[in-house]
Amino acid sequence: MNRELTSWHSPSLDKEMPVAVYGHYGIALLMVPTAAADYLEYERFQLIDAIRPSIETGKVKVFSVNSINTESWMNNNMDPRHKMIRHGQFNDYIHNEVVPFIRNNTSWETPVITCGASFGALHSMNLFLKRPDIINGVIAMSGVYDLTEYTQGYYDEDVYFNSPQHYIPNLADHTILEQIRRQGHLHILTGSGAHEDPGANGRFAKILYDKGINYELDIWGEEWPHDWVTWRAMLPHYLATRF
């Protein structure tokens, strides 16, 4: 399996941001880490090995980015408003820097699918829903889609516009809605075991349904906890059967 590490100084974040790239060809899977983790997290916890068959056969090419959650929602010493500003800068980094980097390393026709587990699922969902013109779908595992779960009570207009549970019910822009509806891959996956929240996933799926947005909600059983054993089973299954 081809593995390359690269980085550049991000204008959006004003810091060096590394990216791990796995594979040589295929749908671009843009992987966003869990809460306070880094760009090699999915490799360390053997998720990259779990999807190795899809990588080696050219079904997917993986681009794993760094998290900046320790500079935003996971940093309890920051002012909440500054956390939100940093969160917005991360969105800009993905949309304006990482997606063009992916396009230049694949092709401008290659679908880009965001993917993440836990807090990475919320980020992945939000990144897709905000820019369905440049991102073509999402695989969200074990997420909740209410950003206030992470803001410790802080709420402002920008939190609202980055919390899919809040802004999607009121989304009225026909162009954006149609762009979301046209994308064929919107997968919401969760277990029902320890520390999972299938109810939150069901409530968010109902919001999508009410907006006429196609999605797949897959709730696994109580033997599947909020942990790597679940995600190492989920992601290879979905890459093998849905793409």
Protein backbone atom coordinates (compact mmCIF):
# COMPACT_ATOMS: atom_id res chain seq x y z
CA MET A 1 0.00 0.00 0.00
CA ASN A 2 1.37 3.37 -1.02
CA ARG A 3 1.78 5.75 1.97
CA GLU A 4 2.92 9.36 1.73
CA LEU A 5 3.17 12.10 4.35
CA THR A 6 3.07 15.73 3.31
CA SER A 7 2.35 19.13 4.84
CA TRP A 8 2.08 22.80 4.09
CA HIS A 9 1.73 26.04 5.99
CA SER A 10 -2.00 26.66 6.03
CA PRO A 11 -3.03 30.28 5.36
CA SER A 12 -6.41 29.56 6.95
CA LEU A 13 -4.94 28.28 10.22
CA ASP A 14 -1.52 30.00 10.12
CA LYS A 15 0.31 26.81 11.01
CA GLU A 16 1.90 23.78 9.40
CA MET A 17 -0.74 21.13 8.71
CA PRO A 18 0.26 17.57 7.80
CA VAL A 19 -1.75 15.12 5.70
CA ALA A 20 -1.30 11.36 5.37
CA VAL A 21 -2.17 9.89 1.97
CA TYR A 22 -2.79 6.18 1.46
CA GLY A 23 -3.24 4.49 -1.90
CA HIS A 24 -2.79 5.45 -5.51
CA TYR A 25 -6.26 5.67 -7.08
CA GLY A 26 -9.99 5.70 -6.36
CA ILE A 27 -12.68 7.72 -4.64
CA ALA A 28 -11.07 10.27 -2.32
CA LEU A 29 -11.88 9.49 1.31
CA LEU A 30 -11.19 12.60 3.40
CA MET A 31 -10.80 11.37 6.98
CA VAL A 32 -11.27 13.74 9.93
CA PRO A 33 -9.92 12.56 13.32
CA THR A 34 -11.83 12.03 16.54
CA ALA A 35 -11.86 14.57 19.36
CA ALA A 36 -8.27 15.61 20.09
CA ALA A 37 -6.39 13.33 17.74
CA ASP A 38 -4.04 13.81 14.81
CA TYR A 39 -3.66 12.82 11.17
CA LEU A 40 -2.12 9.43 12.00
CA GLU A 41 -4.84 8.38 14.45
CA TYR A 42 -6.68 6.16 11.98
CA GLU A 43 -3.41 4.43 11.15
CA ARG A 44 -2.44 3.90 14.81
CA PHE A 45 -5.79 2.33 15.64
CA GLN A 46 -5.62 -0.03 12.62
CA LEU A 47 -8.55 1.51 10.74
CA ILE A 48 -6.31 2.06 7.71
CA ASP A 49 -5.31 -1.62 7.87
CA ALA A 50 -8.99 -2.56 8.11
CA ILE A 51 -9.74 -0.80 4.81
CA ARG A 52 -6.49 -1.90 3.15
CA PRO A 53 -8.33 -4.09 0.58
CA SER A 54 -10.28 -1.07 -0.69
CA ILE A 55 -7.09 0.98 -0.83
CA GLU A 56 -4.95 -1.64 -2.56
CA THR A 57 -7.57 -2.44 -5.20
CA GLY A 58 -7.92 1.24 -6.12
CA LYS A 59 -11.44 1.67 -4.79
CA VAL A 60 -10.40 4.51 -2.47
CA LYS A 61 -7.49 6.84 -1.94
CA VAL A 62 -7.38 8.10 1.66
CA PHE A 63 -6.44 11.61 2.78
CA SER A 64 -6.20 11.85 6.57
CA VAL A 65 -5.95 15.37 8.04
CA ASN A 66 -5.00 16.78 11.42
CA SER A 67 -7.53 17.90 14.00
CA ILE A 68 -7.32 21.34 15.62
CA ASN A 69 -9.89 20.55 18.32
CA THR A 70 -7.24 21.12 21.01
CA GLU A 71 -7.12 24.70 19.73
CA SER A 72 -10.89 25.04 19.82
CA TRP A 73 -13.56 22.92 21.54
CA MET A 74 -11.16 20.71 23.52
CA ASN A 75 -9.24 23.67 24.97
CA ASN A 76 -10.91 24.70 28.21
CA ASN A 77 -8.60 27.71 28.60
CA MET A 78 -9.92 29.48 25.49
CA ASP A 79 -12.73 31.97 25.30
CA PRO A 80 -15.71 30.22 23.65
CA ARG A 81 -15.94 32.86 20.96
CA HIS A 82 -12.30 32.27 20.01
CA LYS A 83 -13.00 28.52 19.88
CA MET A 84 -15.74 29.18 17.34
CA ILE A 85 -13.46 31.40 15.27
CA ARG A 86 -10.84 28.65 15.19
CA HIS A 87 -13.49 26.12 14.21
CA GLY A 88 -14.43 28.32 11.26
CA GLN A 89 -10.80 28.55 10.21
CA PHE A 90 -10.63 24.76 10.19
CA ASN A 91 -13.64 24.65 7.87
CA ASP A 92 -11.87 27.12 5.58
CA TYR A 93 -8.73 24.98 5.65
CA ILE A 94 -10.65 21.90 4.52
CA HIS A 95 -12.80 23.61 1.90
CA ASN A 96 -10.20 25.98 0.45
CA GLU A 97 -6.96 24.04 0.86
CA VAL A 98 -7.49 20.31 1.43
CA VAL A 99 -10.18 19.74 -1.20
CA PRO A 100 -8.10 21.46 -3.94
CA PHE A 101 -5.07 19.45 -2.77
CA ILE A 102 -7.12 16.25 -3.16
CA ARG A 103 -8.35 17.32 -6.60
CA ASN A 104 -4.80 18.02 -7.73
CA ASN A 105 -3.71 14.59 -6.47
CA THR A 106 -6.60 12.69 -8.06
CA SER A 107 -8.69 14.47 -10.65
CA TRP A 108 -11.32 17.17 -10.70
CA GLU A 109 -13.93 14.51 -11.45
CA THR A 110 -13.01 12.22 -8.53
CA PRO A 111 -15.72 12.16 -5.83
CA VAL A 112 -14.63 13.42 -2.40
CA ILE A 113 -16.30 11.70 0.56
CA THR A 114 -15.74 13.01 4.09
CA CYS A 115 -15.47 10.41 6.82
CA GLY A 116 -15.01 10.43 10.57
CA ALA A 117 -15.89 8.80 13.86
CA SER A 118 -17.23 10.43 17.04
CA PHE A 119 -16.46 14.20 16.93
CA GLY A 120 -14.95 13.52 13.51
CA ALA A 121 -18.40 12.40 12.36
CA LEU A 122 -19.91 15.77 13.26
CA HIS A 123 -17.08 17.60 11.47
CA SER A 124 -17.42 15.34 8.43
CA MET A 125 -21.17 15.84 8.23
CA ASN A 126 -20.91 19.61 8.67
CA LEU A 127 -18.13 19.96 6.09
CA PHE A 128 -20.24 18.09 3.55
CA LEU A 129 -23.54 19.86 4.24
CA LYS A 130 -21.96 23.30 4.06
CA ARG A 131 -20.24 22.67 0.72
CA PRO A 132 -22.09 20.00 -1.28
CA ASP A 133 -20.81 21.75 -4.41
CA ILE A 134 -17.27 20.48 -3.74
CA ILE A 135 -17.82 17.49 -1.42
CA ASN A 136 -19.84 14.56 -2.72
CA GLY A 137 -20.92 12.65 0.37
CA VAL A 138 -20.18 11.56 3.92
CA ILE A 139 -19.68 8.44 6.00
CA ALA A 140 -20.37 9.50 9.59
CA MET A 141 -19.78 6.90 12.31
CA SER A 142 -21.00 7.17 15.91
CA GLY A 143 -21.62 10.89 15.79
CA VAL A 144 -24.00 13.40 17.25
CA TYR A 145 -24.85 16.33 15.02
CA ASP A 146 -25.55 18.96 17.66
CA LEU A 147 -22.42 21.08 18.14
CA THR A 148 -23.64 22.28 21.54
CA GLU A 149 -22.70 18.82 22.85
CA TYR A 150 -19.13 20.17 22.71
CA THR A 151 -19.51 23.90 23.46
CA GLN A 152 -20.15 23.66 27.23
CA GLY A 153 -23.24 25.83 26.96
CA TYR A 154 -21.86 28.45 24.59
CA TYR A 155 -24.19 29.30 21.73
CA ASP A 156 -24.09 32.03 19.10
CA GLU A 157 -24.97 32.45 15.44
CA ASP A 158 -21.80 30.73 14.26
CA VAL A 159 -22.39 27.74 16.54
CA TYR A 160 -25.87 27.53 15.03
CA PHE A 161 -24.49 27.57 11.47
CA ASN A 162 -22.01 24.77 12.29
CA SER A 163 -24.47 22.55 14.11
CA PRO A 164 -26.35 20.46 11.51
CA GLN A 165 -29.03 19.55 14.04
CA HIS A 166 -29.84 23.26 14.27
CA TYR A 167 -29.35 24.73 10.80
CA ILE A 168 -30.64 21.97 8.52
CA PRO A 169 -34.29 22.28 9.69
CA ASN A 170 -34.23 25.94 8.63
CA LEU A 171 -32.18 25.55 5.46
CA ALA A 172 -34.25 27.15 2.72
CA ASP A 173 -31.65 27.80 0.01
CA HIS A 174 -33.00 25.72 -2.87
CA THR A 175 -29.64 25.55 -4.65
CA ILE A 176 -27.82 24.12 -1.64
CA LEU A 177 -30.65 21.73 -0.83
CA GLU A 178 -30.66 20.40 -4.38
CA GLN A 179 -26.88 19.99 -4.31
CA ILE A 180 -27.19 17.93 -1.11
CA ARG A 181 -30.07 15.90 -2.55
CA ARG A 182 -28.12 15.08 -5.71
CA GLN A 183 -25.23 13.48 -3.83
CA GLY A 184 -25.64 9.74 -3.61
CA HIS A 185 -23.73 8.99 -0.42
CA LEU A 186 -24.97 10.22 2.94
CA HIS A 187 -24.39 7.43 5.44
CA ILE A 188 -25.18 7.77 9.16
CA LEU A 189 -23.85 4.79 11.11
CA THR A 190 -23.90 4.00 14.82
CA GLY A 191 -23.82 1.16 17.25
CA SER A 192 -26.20 0.75 20.18
CA GLY A 193 -23.62 -0.32 22.76
CA ALA A 194 -21.75 1.53 25.46
CA HIS A 195 -21.46 5.30 24.95
CA GLU A 196 -23.28 5.24 21.62
CA ASP A 197 -26.32 7.47 21.00
CA PRO A 198 -28.54 5.86 18.36
CA GLY A 199 -31.39 8.15 19.35
CA ALA A 200 -29.41 11.23 18.36
CA ASN A 201 -28.67 9.63 14.99
CA GLY A 202 -32.33 8.83 14.47
CA ARG A 203 -33.40 12.38 15.31
CA PHE A 204 -30.93 13.83 12.85
CA ALA A 205 -32.02 11.37 10.16
CA LYS A 206 -35.62 12.52 10.69
CA ILE A 207 -34.50 16.12 10.04
CA LEU A 208 -32.93 15.04 6.74
CA TYR A 209 -36.09 13.13 5.83
CA ASP A 210 -38.23 16.19 6.49
CA LYS A 211 -36.03 18.20 4.09
CA GLY A 212 -36.34 15.60 1.32
CA ILE A 213 -32.68 14.60 1.63
CA ASN A 214 -31.84 10.98 0.89
CA TYR A 215 -29.70 9.22 3.48
CA GLU A 216 -28.91 5.81 4.89
CA LEU A 217 -29.29 5.33 8.65
CA ASP A 218 -27.78 2.09 9.91
CA ILE A 219 -28.04 1.35 13.62
CA TRP A 220 -25.97 -1.64 14.70
CA GLY A 221 -26.73 -3.72 17.80
CA GLU A 222 -25.85 -3.43 21.47
CA GLU A 223 -22.66 -5.45 20.96
CA TRP A 224 -21.18 -2.47 19.08
CA PRO A 225 -19.79 0.22 21.46
CA HIS A 226 -18.46 3.71 20.81
CA ASP A 227 -14.98 2.40 20.09
CA TRP A 228 -12.50 1.32 17.45
CA VAL A 229 -13.77 -2.26 17.26
CA THR A 230 -17.01 -0.85 15.84
CA TRP A 231 -15.41 1.54 13.37
CA ARG A 232 -12.96 -1.10 12.14
CA ALA A 233 -16.01 -3.19 11.22
CA MET A 234 -18.25 -0.42 9.88
CA LEU A 235 -15.97 1.38 7.47
CA PRO A 236 -14.65 -1.62 5.50
CA HIS A 237 -18.21 -2.98 5.27
CA TYR A 238 -19.52 0.27 3.79
CA LEU A 239 -16.64 0.74 1.39
CA ALA A 240 -17.11 -2.84 0.18
CA THR A 241 -20.88 -2.72 -0.19
CA ARG A 242 -21.84 0.89 -0.99
CA PHE A 243 -19.08 2.16 -3.25
